[in-house]
C-alpha atoms as a PDB file:
ATOM      1  CA  MET A   1      -5.641  -9.280 -17.102  1.00  0.00           C
ATOM      2  CA  SER A   2      -4.825 -11.535 -14.835  1.00  0.00           C
ATOM      3  CA  ASN A   3      -3.242 -10.551 -11.261  1.00  0.00           C
ATOM      4  CA  HIS A   4       0.113 -12.075 -12.226  1.00  0.00           C
ATOM      5  CA  HIS A   5       0.393  -9.844 -15.187  1.00  0.00           C
ATOM      6  CA  GLN A   6      -0.578  -6.870 -13.291  1.00  0.00           C
ATOM      7  CA  LYS A   7       2.204  -7.830 -10.644  1.00  0.00           C
ATOM      8  CA  ILE A   8       4.661  -7.930 -13.624  1.00  0.00           C
ATOM      9  CA  GLY A   9       3.691  -4.777 -15.008  1.00  0.00           C
ATOM     10  CA  ALA A  10       3.782  -2.871 -11.834  1.00  0.00           C
ATOM     11  CA  SER A  11       7.348  -4.268 -11.003  1.00  0.00           C
ATOM     12  CA  LYS A  12       8.604  -3.173 -14.536  1.00  0.00           C
ATOM     13  CA  SER A  13       7.050   0.469 -13.984  1.00  0.00           C
ATOM     14  CA  LEU A  14       8.744   0.508 -10.241  1.00  0.00           C
ATOM     15  CA  ASN A  15      11.980  -0.562 -11.711  1.00  0.00           C
ATOM     16  CA  ARG A  16      11.709   2.265 -14.743  1.00  0.00           C
ATOM     17  CA  THR A  17      11.216   4.993 -11.856  1.00  0.00           C
ATOM     18  CA  ILE A  18      13.792   3.622  -9.709  1.00  0.00           C
ATOM     19  CA  THR A  19      16.344   3.473 -12.891  1.00  0.00           C
ATOM     20  CA  GLU A  20      15.331   7.111 -13.521  1.00  0.00           C
ATOM     21  CA  LEU A  21      15.852   8.446 -10.073  1.00  0.00           C
ATOM     22  CA  MET A  22      19.286   6.758  -9.661  1.00  0.00           C
ATOM     23  CA  ALA A  23      20.323   8.075 -13.128  1.00  0.00           C
ATOM     24  CA  HIS A  24      18.954  11.758 -12.053  1.00  0.00           C
ATOM     25  CA  MET A  25      20.971  11.552  -8.631  1.00  0.00           C
ATOM     26  CA  GLY A  26      24.091  10.137 -10.357  1.00  0.00           C
ATOM     27  CA  ASP A  27      23.633   6.934  -8.442  1.00  0.00           C
ATOM     28  CA  ASP A  28      25.810   4.321  -9.787  1.00  0.00           C
ATOM     29  CA  GLY A  29      25.161   1.736  -6.916  1.00  0.00           C
ATOM     30  CA  GLU A  30      23.863  -1.517  -6.805  1.00  0.00           C
ATOM     31  CA  ARG A  31      20.194  -1.771  -8.095  1.00  0.00           C
ATOM     32  CA  PRO A  32      17.721  -2.490  -5.084  1.00  0.00           C
ATOM     33  CA  LYS A  33      16.433  -6.188  -4.834  1.00  0.00           C
ATOM     34  CA  GLY A  34      13.592  -7.123  -2.814  1.00  0.00           C
ATOM     35  CA  ASP A  35      10.527  -4.719  -2.005  1.00  0.00           C
ATOM     36  CA  LEU A  36      10.684  -2.375  -4.827  1.00  0.00           C
ATOM     37  CA  ARG A  37       8.252   0.048  -3.440  1.00  0.00           C
ATOM     38  CA  LYS A  38      10.349   0.313  -0.187  1.00  0.00           C
ATOM     39  CA  ALA A  39      13.328   0.798  -2.548  1.00  0.00           C
ATOM     40  CA  LEU A  40      11.676   3.531  -4.413  1.00  0.00           C
ATOM     41  CA  ARG A  41      10.527   5.420  -1.280  1.00  0.00           C
ATOM     42  CA  GLU A  42      14.112   5.273  -0.077  1.00  0.00           C
ATOM     43  CA  LYS A  43      15.412   6.700  -3.642  1.00  0.00           C
ATOM     44  CA  ILE A  44      12.596   9.378  -3.236  1.00  0.00           C
ATOM     45  CA  GLY A  45      13.681  10.411   0.429  1.00  0.00           C
ATOM     46  CA  ASN A  46      17.574  10.415  -0.922  1.00  0.00           C
ATOM     47  CA  LEU A  47      16.576  12.724  -3.459  1.00  0.00           C
ATOM     48  CA  ALA A  48      14.484  14.963  -1.123  1.00  0.00           C
ATOM     49  CA  GLU A  49      17.298  15.257   1.323  1.00  0.00           C
ATOM     50  CA  SER A  50      19.619  16.187  -1.474  1.00  0.00           C
ATOM     51  CA  TRP A  51      17.269  18.999  -2.576  1.00  0.00           C
ATOM     52  CA  PHE A  52      16.702  20.099   1.381  1.00  0.00           C
ATOM     53  CA  ARG A  53      20.662  20.095   1.631  1.00  0.00           C
ATOM     54  CA  LYS A  54      21.085  22.274  -1.415  1.00  0.00           C
ATOM     55  CA  GLY A  55      18.210  24.687  -0.617  1.00  0.00           C
ATOM     56  CA  PHE A  56      19.814  25.152   2.998  1.00  0.00           C
ATOM     57  CA  ASN A  57      23.154  25.871   1.365  1.00  0.00           C
ATOM     58  CA  ARG A  58      21.538  28.372  -1.296  1.00  0.00           C
ATOM     59  CA  GLY A  59      19.790  30.144   1.365  1.00  0.00           C
ATOM     60  CA  HIS A  60      23.023  30.766   3.615  1.00  0.00           C
ATOM     61  CA  LYS A  61      25.038  31.783   0.258  1.00  0.00           C
ATOM     62  CA  GLU A  62      22.123  34.423  -0.381  1.00  0.00           C
ATOM     63  CA  ALA A  63      22.105  35.688   3.127  1.00  0.00           C
ATOM     64  CA  HIS A  64      25.850  35.923   3.283  1.00  0.00           C
ATOM     65  CA  ARG A  65      25.560  37.920  -0.177  1.00  0.00           C
ATOM     66  CA  HIS A  66      22.959  40.169   1.129  1.00  0.00           C
ATOM     67  CA  PHE A  67      24.895  40.848   4.194  1.00  0.00           C
ATOM     68  CA  GLU A  68      28.237  41.526   2.529  1.00  0.00           C
ATOM     69  CA  GLU A  69      26.464  43.889   0.160  1.00  0.00           C
ATOM     70  CA  GLN A  70      24.072  45.429   2.683  1.00  0.00           C
ATOM     71  CA  GLY A  71      25.387  44.968   6.126  1.00  0.00           C
ATOM     72  CA  ALA A  72      22.446  43.290   7.140  1.00  0.00           C
ATOM     73  CA  VAL A  73      20.239  40.222   6.296  1.00  0.00           C
ATOM     74  CA  PRO A  74      17.240  41.367   4.458  1.00  0.00           C
ATOM     75  CA  THR A  75      13.810  40.181   5.965  1.00  0.00           C
ATOM     76  CA  THR A  76      12.801  39.149   2.416  1.00  0.00           C
ATOM     77  CA  LEU A  77      14.865  37.080  -0.057  1.00  0.00           C
ATOM     78  CA  LYS A  78      13.560  36.757  -3.824  1.00  0.00           C
ATOM     79  CA  THR A  79      15.026  34.631  -6.679  1.00  0.00           C
ATOM     80  CA  LYS A  80      13.947  32.838 -10.032  1.00  0.00           C
ATOM     81  CA  ALA A  81      15.500  29.635 -10.646  1.00  0.00           C
ATOM     82  CA  LYS A  82      15.304  27.014 -13.287  1.00  0.00           C
ATOM     83  CA  ARG A  83      15.866  23.478 -11.611  1.00  0.00           C
ATOM     84  CA  THR A  84      15.352  19.815 -12.548  1.00  0.00           C
ATOM     85  CA  LEU A  85      13.371  18.719  -9.343  1.00  0.00           C
ATOM     86  CA  ALA A  86      12.676  15.114 -10.663  1.00  0.00           C
ATOM     87  CA  PRO A  87      13.803  13.172 -13.574  1.00  0.00           C
ATOM     88  CA  LYS A  88      12.677  14.622 -16.713  1.00  0.00           C
ATOM     89  CA  GLN A  89      11.000  17.628 -15.262  1.00  0.00           C
ATOM     90  CA  ARG A  90      13.120  21.016 -15.538  1.00  0.00           C
ATOM     91  CA  ARG A  91      10.707  23.770 -14.016  1.00  0.00           C
ATOM     92  CA  LYS A  92      11.074  27.519 -13.599  1.00  0.00           C
ATOM     93  CA  VAL A  93      10.444  28.355  -9.712  1.00  0.00           C
ATOM     94  CA  LYS A  94       9.932  31.742  -8.125  1.00  0.00           C
ATOM     95  CA  LEU A  95      11.259  31.748  -4.589  1.00  0.00           C
ATOM     96  CA  ARG A  96      10.235  34.156  -1.843  1.00  0.00           C
ATOM     97  CA  SER A  97      11.317  33.846   1.791  1.00  0.00           C
ATOM     98  CA  THR A  98      10.022  36.389   4.198  1.00  0.00           C
ATOM     99  CA  ILE A  99      11.516  36.576   7.866  1.00  0.00           C
ATOM    100  CA  LYS A 100       9.061  38.302  10.332  1.00  0.00           C
ATOM    101  CA  SER A 101      11.102  41.356  11.602  1.00  0.00           C
ATOM    102  CA  LYS A 102      11.126  41.992  15.689  1.00  0.00           C
ATOM    103  CA  SER A 103       9.109  45.005  16.765  1.00  0.00           C
ATOM    104  CA  THR A 104      10.928  47.558  18.491  1.00  0.00           C
ATOM    105  CA  GLY A 105      10.183  48.982  22.000  1.00  0.00           C
ATOM    106  CA  ALA A 106       9.881  47.874  25.125  1.00  0.00           C
ATOM    107  CA  ASP A 107       8.280  44.767  26.506  1.00  0.00           C
END
């Protein structure tokens, strides 16, 4: 296969992946032009930022719920979730977060 054909194949593959990411995120914006690899990295970054925000929000809600129920935020939170973390990839995820409790006593 010639180098030209390899570049065309790579370009098609990058375009398909970018299209899948845009659809997954509900991004109806303009298709990227120019450097497709740079555009793909940007879309992956957008996806990661979106999940980071959702995780932060979920942690806040879980901590608040436990506080309301028990009067304190627990040192360990556990949950199981099903999430679509990437296009066409639905996964079951076990989550556990542990905060070290401060020791009591004099310094």
